[in-house]
């Protein structure tokens, strides 16, 4: 169940700086604030934010074409982790894209056990390995896939 005063909605311009700050804190090669700002007008992208007490607690960004989507980035701020926000974001993303997307792909660092466990709990399965996909530090990326019923 969502926590008190939590909502998930489309990212708006007023959220971009907070989204970029979470991205910066979570990833060694983060997207820039300008990159997130450009997603506001990208018709082939969706960025959802989880708001808690008016602050961005986490977000998910996907790119989609035809009936396939790539989860580009998903992150939850340190103060909000282990509260189910990541799971709610991913489920909201699927609900938002219902009927449009039948296959989701993502890459995750092989050492990111909490994220891998979350993805597996939602039905994602490993379908490949991308050697040295990540940098700072160099690490393999696990390619994961989830198929959903379309329509």
Protein backbone atom coordinates (compact mmCIF):
# COMPACT_ATOMS: atom_id res chain seq x y z
CA UNK A 1 0.00 0.00 0.00
CA UNK A 2 1.22 3.52 -0.72
CA UNK A 3 2.51 5.46 2.24
CA UNK A 4 0.77 8.56 3.53
CA UNK A 5 0.61 11.33 0.89
CA UNK A 6 2.33 9.35 -1.84
CA UNK A 7 1.36 9.68 -5.46
CA UNK A 8 2.82 8.54 -8.75
CA UNK A 9 2.42 10.85 -11.71
CA UNK A 10 4.03 12.03 -14.91
CA UNK A 11 7.22 13.99 -14.40
CA UNK A 12 6.72 17.72 -14.88
CA UNK A 13 9.29 20.50 -15.25
CA UNK A 14 9.09 21.24 -11.51
CA UNK A 15 10.34 17.69 -10.75
CA UNK A 16 13.36 17.62 -13.06
CA UNK A 17 15.95 19.04 -10.63
CA UNK A 18 14.97 16.55 -7.90
CA UNK A 19 14.96 13.64 -10.36
CA UNK A 20 18.43 14.63 -11.60
CA UNK A 21 19.69 14.90 -8.00
CA UNK A 22 18.49 11.37 -7.21
CA UNK A 23 20.08 10.10 -10.44
CA UNK A 24 23.36 11.82 -9.51
CA UNK A 25 23.35 10.22 -6.06
CA UNK A 26 22.52 6.72 -7.34
CA UNK A 27 24.63 6.23 -10.46
CA UNK A 28 28.32 6.58 -11.33
CA UNK A 29 27.47 7.83 -14.84
CA UNK A 30 24.22 9.74 -14.27
CA UNK A 31 21.97 11.41 -16.78
CA UNK A 32 22.16 15.20 -16.68
CA UNK A 33 19.37 17.52 -15.66
CA UNK A 34 19.20 18.61 -19.34
CA UNK A 35 18.69 14.99 -20.42
CA UNK A 36 15.73 14.61 -18.07
CA UNK A 37 14.34 17.97 -19.19
CA UNK A 38 14.45 16.78 -22.81
CA UNK A 39 12.40 13.73 -21.85
CA UNK A 40 9.47 16.05 -21.06
CA UNK A 41 8.90 16.55 -24.78
CA UNK A 42 9.99 13.13 -26.06
CA UNK A 43 6.91 11.36 -27.46
CA UNK A 44 8.68 7.99 -27.23
CA UNK A 45 9.48 8.30 -23.52
CA UNK A 46 7.66 8.11 -20.22
CA UNK A 47 8.99 9.33 -16.91
CA UNK A 48 6.97 8.75 -13.77
CA UNK A 49 7.82 10.19 -10.36
CA UNK A 50 6.80 9.00 -6.92
CA UNK A 51 6.06 11.95 -4.68
CA UNK A 52 6.16 11.63 -0.91
CA UNK A 53 5.03 14.66 1.07
CA UNK A 54 5.56 16.77 -2.06
CA UNK A 55 9.15 15.62 -2.66
CA UNK A 56 10.36 13.30 -5.42
CA UNK A 57 11.14 10.01 -3.69
CA UNK A 58 11.93 8.06 -6.86
CA UNK A 59 11.36 7.82 -10.59
CA UNK A 60 11.36 5.53 -13.60
CA UNK A 61 12.14 6.45 -17.20
CA UNK A 62 11.43 4.30 -20.23
CA UNK A 63 11.81 4.63 -23.99
CA UNK A 64 9.31 2.77 -26.15
CA UNK A 65 8.75 1.95 -29.79
CA UNK A 66 6.22 -0.37 -31.35
CA UNK A 67 5.31 -2.76 -28.51
CA UNK A 68 8.71 -2.83 -26.76
CA UNK A 69 10.05 -0.63 -23.97
CA UNK A 70 13.51 -0.20 -22.51
CA UNK A 71 13.69 0.81 -18.87
CA UNK A 72 16.48 3.36 -19.06
CA UNK A 73 16.73 4.33 -15.43
CA UNK A 74 14.89 3.75 -12.20
CA UNK A 75 16.01 5.05 -8.83
CA UNK A 76 14.75 5.74 -5.34
CA UNK A 77 16.31 8.32 -3.05
CA UNK A 78 18.32 6.91 -0.16
CA UNK A 79 15.86 8.14 2.49
CA UNK A 80 12.99 6.31 0.77
CA UNK A 81 14.51 2.90 0.01
CA UNK A 82 13.12 -0.42 1.28
CA UNK A 83 9.61 1.07 1.38
CA UNK A 84 8.26 -0.44 -1.85
CA UNK A 85 8.51 2.73 -3.92
CA UNK A 86 10.54 1.11 -6.70
CA UNK A 87 8.01 -1.68 -7.01
CA UNK A 88 5.09 0.76 -7.10
CA UNK A 89 6.84 2.82 -9.77
CA UNK A 90 7.41 -0.21 -11.99
CA UNK A 91 3.83 -1.42 -11.54
CA UNK A 92 2.50 2.07 -12.30
CA UNK A 93 4.67 2.19 -15.43
CA UNK A 94 3.20 -1.10 -16.62
CA UNK A 95 -0.33 0.11 -15.89
CA UNK A 96 0.37 3.36 -17.77
CA UNK A 97 1.65 1.43 -20.79
CA UNK A 98 -0.98 -1.33 -20.68
CA UNK A 99 -2.13 -2.25 -24.15
CA UNK A 100 0.83 -0.51 -25.78
CA UNK A 101 3.85 -2.51 -24.58
CA UNK A 102 4.20 -6.28 -24.46
CA UNK A 103 7.93 -6.60 -23.73
CA UNK A 104 10.15 -4.70 -21.31
CA UNK A 105 13.95 -4.83 -21.23
CA UNK A 106 16.46 -3.47 -18.74
CA UNK A 107 20.09 -3.79 -17.73
CA UNK A 108 21.21 -4.02 -14.14
CA UNK A 109 24.65 -4.27 -12.55
CA UNK A 110 25.38 -7.89 -11.70
CA UNK A 111 26.28 -6.81 -8.14
CA UNK A 112 22.98 -4.99 -7.52
CA UNK A 113 21.27 -7.82 -5.66
CA UNK A 114 18.38 -5.72 -4.27
CA UNK A 115 17.42 -4.48 -7.75
CA UNK A 116 17.76 -7.94 -9.28
CA UNK A 117 15.52 -9.39 -6.56
CA UNK A 118 12.93 -6.65 -7.18
CA UNK A 119 12.91 -7.25 -10.92
CA UNK A 120 12.63 -11.02 -10.48
CA UNK A 121 9.72 -10.56 -8.05
CA UNK A 122 7.92 -8.64 -10.79
CA UNK A 123 8.47 -11.34 -13.41
CA UNK A 124 11.65 -10.17 -15.12
CA UNK A 125 14.09 -12.90 -16.09
CA UNK A 126 17.71 -12.77 -17.11
CA UNK A 127 18.13 -13.31 -20.85
CA UNK A 128 21.75 -12.28 -21.34
CA UNK A 129 24.91 -10.67 -20.06
CA UNK A 130 26.50 -7.52 -21.45
CA UNK A 131 30.23 -7.75 -20.62
CA UNK A 132 31.67 -4.56 -19.09
CA UNK A 133 28.41 -2.70 -19.82
CA UNK A 134 28.90 -0.47 -16.78
CA UNK A 135 31.86 1.73 -15.91
CA UNK A 136 33.13 3.43 -12.75
CA UNK A 137 33.64 0.60 -11.82
CA UNK A 138 33.64 -1.72 -14.83
CA UNK A 139 31.05 -4.41 -14.38
CA UNK A 140 28.90 -6.72 -16.45
CA UNK A 141 25.27 -5.83 -16.95
CA UNK A 142 22.57 -8.44 -16.74
CA UNK A 143 19.99 -8.09 -19.49
CA UNK A 144 16.51 -8.81 -18.15
CA UNK A 145 13.19 -9.16 -19.95
CA UNK A 146 9.54 -9.24 -19.00
CA UNK A 147 6.70 -10.17 -21.33
CA UNK A 148 3.20 -8.98 -20.54
CA UNK A 149 -0.14 -9.56 -22.20
CA UNK A 150 -0.90 -6.79 -24.66
CA UNK A 151 -4.51 -5.68 -24.82
